[in-house]
Amino acid sequence: MLIRDATNDDWPGIWSIFRPIAAAGETYCLPTDISEEAARAIWLAPSPSRAVVALDDDGATVGTARMYPNQMGPGAHVASASFMVAEDRSGAGVGRALGDHVLARARSAGFHAMQFNAVVETNRRAVELWRSLGFEILATIPEAFAHPSAGYVGLHVMYRRL
């Protein structure tokens, strides 16, 4: 698997992953009917945000991530990130590879820590992955996410030093 910076030409592959994840409404605080234009503006936002793609041996996009400062100004030394993996590649190590890549990149960019503001507590695979990569749950905001089948569930704030 190759992980590299995303370009505008990568958008169709990113969108093919982004669209069904957003539409499912189970893991992201995004409108389930988000437009392609709005999604692209979020994922391929200008610097200091950076997006990457994970490509399989055939060059197909199997995952994507974006990294950005969690806050501006005096809070800009803490990074945040978002990750999406193609459904047919779930459990194949794509998320871990993207996580390792983004953590290394954040370190090399001079960030002191990484914080995830809204990890849906029912997204157990993601919660366990982030824990295995050194993140801890600092707090859970009860009933902060309207899950389509589980009802109101919590959102974890997760953190790790770099």
N, C-alpha and C. Protein backbone atom coordinates (compact mmCIF):
# COMPACT_ATOMS: atom_id res chain seq x y z
N MET A 1 0.84 -1.18 0.00
CA MET A 1 0.00 0.00 0.00
C MET A 1 0.89 1.24 0.00
N LEU A 2 0.52 2.19 -0.82
CA LEU A 2 1.22 3.46 -0.91
C LEU A 2 0.35 4.54 -0.28
N ILE A 3 0.92 5.35 0.61
CA ILE A 3 0.22 6.50 1.17
C ILE A 3 0.97 7.73 0.70
N ARG A 4 0.24 8.64 0.07
CA ARG A 4 0.87 9.86 -0.45
C ARG A 4 -0.10 11.02 -0.33
N ASP A 5 0.43 12.23 -0.54
CA ASP A 5 -0.42 13.42 -0.52
C ASP A 5 -1.52 13.29 -1.57
N ALA A 6 -2.71 13.73 -1.20
CA ALA A 6 -3.83 13.72 -2.14
C ALA A 6 -3.70 14.91 -3.08
N THR A 7 -4.14 14.72 -4.30
CA THR A 7 -4.21 15.79 -5.30
C THR A 7 -5.67 15.95 -5.72
N ASN A 8 -5.94 16.99 -6.46
CA ASN A 8 -7.31 17.18 -6.98
C ASN A 8 -7.74 15.99 -7.83
N ASP A 9 -6.81 15.35 -8.51
CA ASP A 9 -7.14 14.20 -9.34
C ASP A 9 -7.58 12.99 -8.51
N ASP A 10 -7.28 12.99 -7.22
CA ASP A 10 -7.68 11.88 -6.35
C ASP A 10 -9.13 12.01 -5.86
N TRP A 11 -9.75 13.16 -6.11
CA TRP A 11 -11.08 13.37 -5.54
C TRP A 11 -12.09 12.27 -5.90
N PRO A 12 -12.20 11.81 -7.14
CA PRO A 12 -13.20 10.77 -7.41
C PRO A 12 -13.04 9.53 -6.52
N GLY A 13 -11.81 9.10 -6.27
CA GLY A 13 -11.59 7.96 -5.39
C GLY A 13 -11.93 8.28 -3.94
N ILE A 14 -11.60 9.48 -3.49
CA ILE A 14 -11.95 9.90 -2.13
C ILE A 14 -13.47 9.96 -1.99
N TRP A 15 -14.13 10.56 -2.96
CA TRP A 15 -15.58 10.71 -2.90
C TRP A 15 -16.28 9.34 -2.88
N SER A 16 -15.72 8.36 -3.56
CA SER A 16 -16.32 7.03 -3.58
C SER A 16 -16.28 6.39 -2.19
N ILE A 17 -15.38 6.82 -1.34
CA ILE A 17 -15.31 6.35 0.04
C ILE A 17 -16.14 7.26 0.95
N PHE A 18 -16.00 8.55 0.76
CA PHE A 18 -16.64 9.56 1.59
C PHE A 18 -18.17 9.46 1.52
N ARG A 19 -18.71 9.39 0.31
CA ARG A 19 -20.16 9.44 0.12
C ARG A 19 -20.90 8.37 0.93
N PRO A 20 -20.55 7.08 0.83
CA PRO A 20 -21.31 6.09 1.60
C PRO A 20 -21.11 6.20 3.11
N ILE A 21 -19.94 6.64 3.54
CA ILE A 21 -19.72 6.81 4.98
C ILE A 21 -20.60 7.93 5.51
N ALA A 22 -20.62 9.06 4.83
CA ALA A 22 -21.46 10.17 5.26
C ALA A 22 -22.94 9.77 5.20
N ALA A 23 -23.35 9.11 4.12
CA ALA A 23 -24.76 8.73 3.95
C ALA A 23 -25.22 7.77 5.03
N ALA A 24 -24.35 6.91 5.52
CA ALA A 24 -24.73 5.96 6.57
C ALA A 24 -25.04 6.66 7.89
N GLY A 25 -24.40 7.80 8.13
CA GLY A 25 -24.68 8.58 9.33
C GLY A 25 -24.29 7.91 10.63
N GLU A 26 -23.33 6.99 10.60
CA GLU A 26 -22.98 6.22 11.79
C GLU A 26 -21.69 6.64 12.46
N THR A 27 -20.82 7.37 11.76
CA THR A 27 -19.49 7.62 12.31
C THR A 27 -18.99 9.06 12.19
N TYR A 28 -19.66 9.90 11.46
CA TYR A 28 -19.21 11.28 11.27
C TYR A 28 -20.33 12.27 11.55
N CYS A 29 -19.97 13.40 12.12
CA CYS A 29 -20.90 14.50 12.33
C CYS A 29 -20.99 15.31 11.04
N LEU A 30 -21.55 14.67 10.03
CA LEU A 30 -21.73 15.28 8.71
C LEU A 30 -23.18 15.07 8.28
N PRO A 31 -23.72 15.98 7.49
CA PRO A 31 -25.05 15.73 6.95
C PRO A 31 -25.03 14.46 6.09
N THR A 32 -26.04 13.63 6.23
CA THR A 32 -26.07 12.39 5.44
C THR A 32 -26.26 12.68 3.95
N ASP A 33 -26.76 13.85 3.64
CA ASP A 33 -26.95 14.24 2.24
C ASP A 33 -25.95 15.31 1.80
N ILE A 34 -24.77 15.31 2.40
CA ILE A 34 -23.77 16.33 2.07
C ILE A 34 -23.51 16.33 0.57
N SER A 35 -23.39 17.51 0.02
CA SER A 35 -23.11 17.61 -1.42
C SER A 35 -21.65 17.28 -1.69
N GLU A 36 -21.40 16.87 -2.90
CA GLU A 36 -20.02 16.57 -3.27
C GLU A 36 -19.15 17.82 -3.13
N GLU A 37 -19.69 18.95 -3.49
CA GLU A 37 -18.94 20.21 -3.40
C GLU A 37 -18.56 20.52 -1.94
N ALA A 38 -19.52 20.37 -1.03
CA ALA A 38 -19.24 20.64 0.39
C ALA A 38 -18.25 19.63 0.95
N ALA A 39 -18.39 18.37 0.56
CA ALA A 39 -17.46 17.33 1.03
C ALA A 39 -16.04 17.62 0.56
N ARG A 40 -15.93 17.99 -0.69
CA ARG A 40 -14.60 18.29 -1.25
C ARG A 40 -13.96 19.48 -0.53
N ALA A 41 -14.75 20.50 -0.22
CA ALA A 41 -14.23 21.67 0.48
C ALA A 41 -13.71 21.30 1.87
N ILE A 42 -14.35 20.36 2.52
CA ILE A 42 -13.90 19.90 3.84
C ILE A 42 -12.63 19.07 3.71
N TRP A 43 -12.67 18.05 2.84
CA TRP A 43 -11.57 17.07 2.79
C TRP A 43 -10.31 17.61 2.12
N LEU A 44 -10.48 18.41 1.10
CA LEU A 44 -9.32 18.97 0.40
C LEU A 44 -9.15 20.45 0.73
N ALA A 45 -9.36 20.78 1.99
CA ALA A 45 -9.22 22.17 2.44
C ALA A 45 -7.77 22.62 2.23
N PRO A 46 -7.58 23.92 2.05
CA PRO A 46 -6.23 24.43 1.83
C PRO A 46 -5.36 24.31 3.08
N SER A 47 -4.08 24.52 2.90
CA SER A 47 -3.10 24.50 3.99
C SER A 47 -3.56 25.45 5.09
N PRO A 48 -3.41 25.05 6.34
CA PRO A 48 -2.52 24.04 6.84
C PRO A 48 -3.11 22.62 6.87
N SER A 49 -4.32 22.45 6.40
CA SER A 49 -4.89 21.10 6.30
C SER A 49 -4.14 20.33 5.22
N ARG A 50 -3.97 19.03 5.44
CA ARG A 50 -3.30 18.17 4.45
C ARG A 50 -4.08 16.88 4.34
N ALA A 51 -4.35 16.45 3.13
CA ALA A 51 -5.05 15.19 2.90
C ALA A 51 -4.09 14.21 2.25
N VAL A 52 -4.27 12.94 2.58
CA VAL A 52 -3.50 11.86 1.96
C VAL A 52 -4.46 10.80 1.46
N VAL A 53 -3.97 9.98 0.56
CA VAL A 53 -4.72 8.82 0.09
C VAL A 53 -3.86 7.58 0.28
N ALA A 54 -4.55 6.46 0.53
CA ALA A 54 -3.90 5.15 0.58
C ALA A 54 -4.32 4.42 -0.69
N LEU A 55 -3.33 3.95 -1.43
CA LEU A 55 -3.59 3.27 -2.70
C LEU A 55 -3.14 1.82 -2.61
N ASP A 56 -3.95 0.92 -3.20
CA ASP A 56 -3.53 -0.48 -3.23
C ASP A 56 -2.56 -0.70 -4.39
N ASP A 57 -2.14 -1.93 -4.58
CA ASP A 57 -1.14 -2.24 -5.61
C ASP A 57 -1.61 -1.94 -7.02
N ASP A 58 -2.95 -1.86 -7.21
CA ASP A 58 -3.51 -1.54 -8.52
C ASP A 58 -3.76 -0.04 -8.70
N GLY A 59 -3.43 0.75 -7.67
CA GLY A 59 -3.62 2.19 -7.75
C GLY A 59 -5.00 2.66 -7.32
N ALA A 60 -5.84 1.75 -6.81
CA ALA A 60 -7.18 2.13 -6.36
C ALA A 60 -7.10 2.78 -4.98
N THR A 61 -7.92 3.80 -4.77
CA THR A 61 -7.97 4.47 -3.47
C THR A 61 -8.72 3.58 -2.49
N VAL A 62 -8.04 3.19 -1.41
CA VAL A 62 -8.65 2.31 -0.41
C VAL A 62 -8.84 3.00 0.93
N GLY A 63 -8.32 4.21 1.07
CA GLY A 63 -8.49 4.98 2.28
C GLY A 63 -7.97 6.38 2.09
N THR A 64 -8.33 7.24 3.03
CA THR A 64 -7.90 8.63 2.97
C THR A 64 -7.92 9.20 4.39
N ALA A 65 -7.11 10.21 4.59
CA ALA A 65 -7.05 10.90 5.88
C ALA A 65 -6.75 12.35 5.62
N ARG A 66 -7.08 13.16 6.59
CA ARG A 66 -6.68 14.56 6.54
C ARG A 66 -6.22 14.97 7.92
N MET A 67 -5.22 15.82 7.98
CA MET A 67 -4.64 16.31 9.22
C MET A 67 -4.67 17.83 9.19
N TYR A 68 -4.88 18.42 10.36
CA TYR A 68 -5.01 19.87 10.44
C TYR A 68 -4.83 20.29 11.90
N PRO A 69 -4.53 21.56 12.15
CA PRO A 69 -4.47 22.03 13.54
C PRO A 69 -5.87 21.92 14.16
N ASN A 70 -5.92 21.44 15.40
CA ASN A 70 -7.20 21.28 16.08
C ASN A 70 -7.85 22.64 16.36
N GLN A 71 -7.03 23.63 16.64
CA GLN A 71 -7.50 24.99 16.90
C GLN A 71 -6.57 25.96 16.18
N MET A 72 -6.92 27.23 16.22
CA MET A 72 -6.06 28.25 15.64
C MET A 72 -5.22 28.89 16.73
N GLY A 73 -4.30 29.75 16.32
CA GLY A 73 -3.51 30.56 17.25
C GLY A 73 -2.82 29.74 18.32
N PRO A 74 -3.06 30.08 19.60
CA PRO A 74 -2.35 29.41 20.69
C PRO A 74 -2.68 27.92 20.84
N GLY A 75 -3.69 27.44 20.12
CA GLY A 75 -4.03 26.02 20.16
C GLY A 75 -3.56 25.25 18.95
N ALA A 76 -2.83 25.91 18.06
CA ALA A 76 -2.45 25.30 16.79
C ALA A 76 -1.32 24.28 16.90
N HIS A 77 -0.77 24.08 18.08
CA HIS A 77 0.29 23.08 18.25
C HIS A 77 -0.28 21.67 18.49
N VAL A 78 -1.59 21.56 18.60
CA VAL A 78 -2.26 20.26 18.73
C VAL A 78 -2.94 19.96 17.40
N ALA A 79 -2.63 18.80 16.85
CA ALA A 79 -3.21 18.40 15.58
C ALA A 79 -4.53 17.68 15.80
N SER A 80 -5.29 17.57 14.74
CA SER A 80 -6.44 16.69 14.69
C SER A 80 -6.39 15.98 13.35
N ALA A 81 -7.23 14.99 13.18
CA ALA A 81 -7.23 14.25 11.92
C ALA A 81 -8.56 13.55 11.74
N SER A 82 -8.85 13.21 10.50
CA SER A 82 -10.05 12.46 10.14
C SER A 82 -9.61 11.35 9.19
N PHE A 83 -10.28 10.22 9.28
CA PHE A 83 -9.89 9.04 8.51
C PHE A 83 -11.12 8.38 7.91
N MET A 84 -10.97 7.87 6.69
CA MET A 84 -12.02 7.08 6.05
C MET A 84 -11.37 5.94 5.28
N VAL A 85 -11.96 4.75 5.41
CA VAL A 85 -11.46 3.56 4.74
C VAL A 85 -12.59 2.97 3.92
N ALA A 86 -12.28 2.53 2.71
CA ALA A 86 -13.27 1.89 1.85
C ALA A 86 -13.88 0.70 2.59
N GLU A 87 -15.18 0.56 2.51
CA GLU A 87 -15.87 -0.49 3.27
C GLU A 87 -15.31 -1.88 2.97
N ASP A 88 -14.98 -2.14 1.72
CA ASP A 88 -14.47 -3.47 1.37
C ASP A 88 -13.04 -3.70 1.83
N ARG A 89 -12.41 -2.69 2.44
CA ARG A 89 -11.04 -2.83 2.98
C ARG A 89 -11.03 -2.73 4.50
N SER A 90 -12.20 -2.65 5.10
CA SER A 90 -12.30 -2.58 6.56
C SER A 90 -11.65 -3.81 7.17
N GLY A 91 -10.82 -3.60 8.18
CA GLY A 91 -10.15 -4.70 8.86
C GLY A 91 -8.89 -5.19 8.17
N ALA A 92 -8.49 -4.54 7.08
CA ALA A 92 -7.32 -4.99 6.32
C ALA A 92 -6.05 -4.21 6.64
N GLY A 93 -6.08 -3.36 7.67
CA GLY A 93 -4.89 -2.62 8.06
C GLY A 93 -4.75 -1.24 7.44
N VAL A 94 -5.72 -0.83 6.63
CA VAL A 94 -5.63 0.49 5.98
C VAL A 94 -5.71 1.59 7.02
N GLY A 95 -6.66 1.49 7.96
CA GLY A 95 -6.80 2.52 9.00
C GLY A 95 -5.56 2.64 9.86
N ARG A 96 -4.98 1.51 10.23
CA ARG A 96 -3.76 1.53 11.04
C ARG A 96 -2.61 2.19 10.26
N ALA A 97 -2.47 1.83 8.99
CA ALA A 97 -1.40 2.42 8.18
C ALA A 97 -1.61 3.93 8.06
N LEU A 98 -2.84 4.36 7.83
CA LEU A 98 -3.12 5.79 7.76
C LEU A 98 -2.86 6.46 9.11
N GLY A 99 -3.26 5.82 10.21
CA GLY A 99 -3.02 6.37 11.54
C GLY A 99 -1.54 6.54 11.81
N ASP A 100 -0.75 5.49 11.54
CA ASP A 100 0.70 5.59 11.73
C ASP A 100 1.29 6.71 10.89
N HIS A 101 0.84 6.80 9.63
CA HIS A 101 1.36 7.83 8.72
C HIS A 101 1.06 9.23 9.25
N VAL A 102 -0.19 9.45 9.64
CA VAL A 102 -0.59 10.79 10.09
C VAL A 102 0.10 11.15 11.40
N LEU A 103 0.25 10.20 12.31
CA LEU A 103 0.97 10.49 13.55
C LEU A 103 2.42 10.87 13.28
N ALA A 104 3.08 10.14 12.40
CA ALA A 104 4.47 10.47 12.06
C ALA A 104 4.56 11.83 11.39
N ARG A 105 3.61 12.10 10.53
CA ARG A 105 3.61 13.39 9.83
C ARG A 105 3.36 14.54 10.79
N ALA A 106 2.45 14.35 11.73
CA ALA A 106 2.18 15.39 12.72
C ALA A 106 3.41 15.67 13.57
N ARG A 107 4.09 14.60 13.97
CA ARG A 107 5.33 14.76 14.74
C ARG A 107 6.35 15.57 13.95
N SER A 108 6.55 15.17 12.69
CA SER A 108 7.57 15.85 11.88
C SER A 108 7.18 17.29 11.55
N ALA A 109 5.89 17.58 11.58
CA ALA A 109 5.43 18.96 11.33
C ALA A 109 5.51 19.83 12.59
N GLY A 110 5.92 19.25 13.71
CA GLY A 110 6.11 20.02 14.93
C GLY A 110 4.93 20.06 15.87
N PHE A 111 3.88 19.29 15.60
CA PHE A 111 2.76 19.25 16.53
C PHE A 111 3.21 18.56 17.82
N HIS A 112 2.63 18.96 18.95
CA HIS A 112 2.98 18.39 20.25
C HIS A 112 2.05 17.25 20.66
N ALA A 113 0.86 17.23 20.07
CA ALA A 113 -0.14 16.23 20.44
C ALA A 113 -1.16 16.11 19.32
N MET A 114 -2.02 15.11 19.44
CA MET A 114 -3.14 14.96 18.51
C MET A 114 -4.40 14.71 19.33
N GLN A 115 -5.46 15.36 18.92
CA GLN A 115 -6.75 15.25 19.61
C GLN A 115 -7.84 14.97 18.59
N PHE A 116 -8.68 14.01 18.90
CA PHE A 116 -9.88 13.76 18.10
C PHE A 116 -11.06 14.28 18.92
N ASN A 117 -11.86 15.15 18.33
CA ASN A 117 -12.93 15.81 19.06
C ASN A 117 -14.24 15.04 19.11
N ALA A 118 -14.42 14.08 18.20
CA ALA A 118 -15.75 13.46 18.10
C ALA A 118 -15.65 12.04 17.53
N VAL A 119 -15.19 11.10 18.36
CA VAL A 119 -15.16 9.70 17.95
C VAL A 119 -16.44 9.06 18.49
N VAL A 120 -17.29 8.61 17.61
CA VAL A 120 -18.57 8.04 18.01
C VAL A 120 -18.32 6.77 18.82
N GLU A 121 -18.89 6.71 20.03
CA GLU A 121 -18.57 5.60 20.93
C GLU A 121 -18.99 4.24 20.38
N THR A 122 -19.97 4.18 19.49
CA THR A 122 -20.38 2.90 18.90
C THR A 122 -19.46 2.47 17.76
N ASN A 123 -18.55 3.33 17.35
CA ASN A 123 -17.57 2.98 16.32
C ASN A 123 -16.41 2.26 17.01
N ARG A 124 -16.71 1.06 17.50
CA ARG A 124 -15.76 0.31 18.33
C ARG A 124 -14.44 0.01 17.63
N ARG A 125 -14.51 -0.27 16.34
CA ARG A 125 -13.28 -0.57 15.61
C ARG A 125 -12.34 0.63 15.65
N ALA A 126 -12.87 1.84 15.42
CA ALA A 126 -12.04 3.04 15.46
C ALA A 126 -11.53 3.31 16.88
N VAL A 127 -12.40 3.18 17.87
CA VAL A 127 -11.99 3.43 19.25
C VAL A 127 -10.85 2.50 19.63
N GLU A 128 -10.95 1.23 19.30
CA GLU A 128 -9.89 0.28 19.63
C GLU A 128 -8.61 0.57 18.85
N LEU A 129 -8.75 0.95 17.59
CA LEU A 129 -7.56 1.30 16.81
C LEU A 129 -6.84 2.48 17.45
N TRP A 130 -7.58 3.54 17.76
CA TRP A 130 -6.93 4.73 18.34
C TRP A 130 -6.31 4.40 19.68
N ARG A 131 -6.97 3.58 20.49
CA ARG A 131 -6.36 3.18 21.76
C ARG A 131 -5.07 2.41 21.52
N SER A 132 -5.06 1.52 20.54
CA SER A 132 -3.86 0.74 20.27
C SER A 132 -2.72 1.62 19.75
N LEU A 133 -3.06 2.79 19.23
CA LEU A 133 -2.04 3.73 18.75
C LEU A 133 -1.69 4.77 19.81
N GLY A 134 -2.12 4.54 21.05
CA GLY A 134 -1.70 5.39 22.15
C GLY A 134 -2.67 6.49 22.56
N PHE A 135 -3.84 6.55 21.97
CA PHE A 135 -4.82 7.56 22.36
C PHE A 135 -5.57 7.10 23.61
N GLU A 136 -5.97 8.07 24.40
CA GLU A 136 -6.83 7.79 25.55
C GLU A 136 -8.11 8.60 25.42
N ILE A 137 -9.16 8.09 26.01
CA ILE A 137 -10.43 8.81 26.04
C ILE A 137 -10.36 9.78 27.22
N LEU A 138 -10.43 11.07 26.92
CA LEU A 138 -10.40 12.08 27.97
C LEU A 138 -11.78 12.34 28.54
N ALA A 139 -12.78 12.27 27.67
CA ALA A 139 -14.16 12.53 28.09
C ALA A 139 -15.09 11.94 27.05
N THR A 140 -16.30 11.69 27.48
CA THR A 140 -17.36 11.27 26.57
C THR A 140 -18.53 12.21 26.78
N ILE A 141 -18.95 12.86 25.72
CA ILE A 141 -20.10 13.75 25.80
C ILE A 141 -21.33 12.88 25.59
N PRO A 142 -22.14 12.70 26.62
CA PRO A 142 -23.28 11.79 26.52
C PRO A 142 -24.31 12.25 25.49
N GLU A 143 -24.84 11.30 24.76
CA GLU A 143 -25.93 11.53 23.81
C GLU A 143 -25.68 12.66 22.83
N ALA A 144 -24.41 12.87 22.46
CA ALA A 144 -24.04 13.98 21.57
C ALA A 144 -24.16 13.62 20.10
N PHE A 145 -24.44 12.35 19.79
CA PHE A 145 -24.50 11.90 18.40
C PHE A 145 -25.79 11.12 18.19
N ALA A 146 -26.54 11.51 17.19
CA ALA A 146 -27.80 10.83 16.87
C ALA A 146 -27.51 9.71 15.87
N HIS A 147 -27.28 8.51 16.39
CA HIS A 147 -26.96 7.35 15.57
C HIS A 147 -28.25 6.82 14.94
N PRO A 148 -28.23 6.45 13.65
CA PRO A 148 -29.47 6.06 12.98
C PRO A 148 -30.14 4.79 13.54
N SER A 149 -29.38 3.90 14.17
CA SER A 149 -30.02 2.71 14.73
C SER A 149 -29.84 2.58 16.24
N ALA A 150 -28.78 3.13 16.80
CA ALA A 150 -28.52 3.01 18.24
C ALA A 150 -29.11 4.16 19.05
N GLY A 151 -29.69 5.15 18.39
CA GLY A 151 -30.23 6.31 19.10
C GLY A 151 -29.12 7.27 19.50
N TYR A 152 -29.37 8.01 20.57
CA TYR A 152 -28.38 8.98 21.02
C TYR A 152 -27.25 8.27 21.75
N VAL A 153 -26.03 8.45 21.22
CA VAL A 153 -24.84 7.83 21.80
C VAL A 153 -23.80 8.90 22.07
N GLY A 154 -22.79 8.55 22.81
CA GLY A 154 -21.76 9.51 23.18
C GLY A 154 -20.71 9.73 22.12
N LEU A 155 -20.06 10.88 22.24
CA LEU A 155 -18.90 11.21 21.41
C LEU A 155 -17.68 11.29 22.34
N HIS A 156 -16.65 10.51 22.02
CA HIS A 156 -15.42 10.54 22.78
C HIS A 156 -14.51 11.67 22.31
N VAL A 157 -13.84 12.31 23.23
CA VAL A 157 -12.71 13.17 22.94
C VAL A 157 -11.48 12.33 23.26
N MET A 158 -10.64 12.09 22.26
CA MET A 158 -9.47 11.22 22.43
C MET A 158 -8.20 12.03 22.18
N TYR A 159 -7.12 11.65 22.88
CA TYR A 159 -5.91 12.48 22.89
C TYR A 159 -4.68 11.59 23.05
N ARG A 160 -3.58 12.03 22.43
CA ARG A 160 -2.27 11.45 22.73
C ARG A 160 -1.19 12.48 22.46
N ARG A 161 -0.14 12.42 23.26
CA ARG A 161 1.03 13.26 23.04
C ARG A 161 1.84 12.68 21.91
N LEU A 162 2.55 13.56 21.23
CA LEU A 162 3.43 13.12 20.15
C LEU A 162 4.87 13.20 20.60
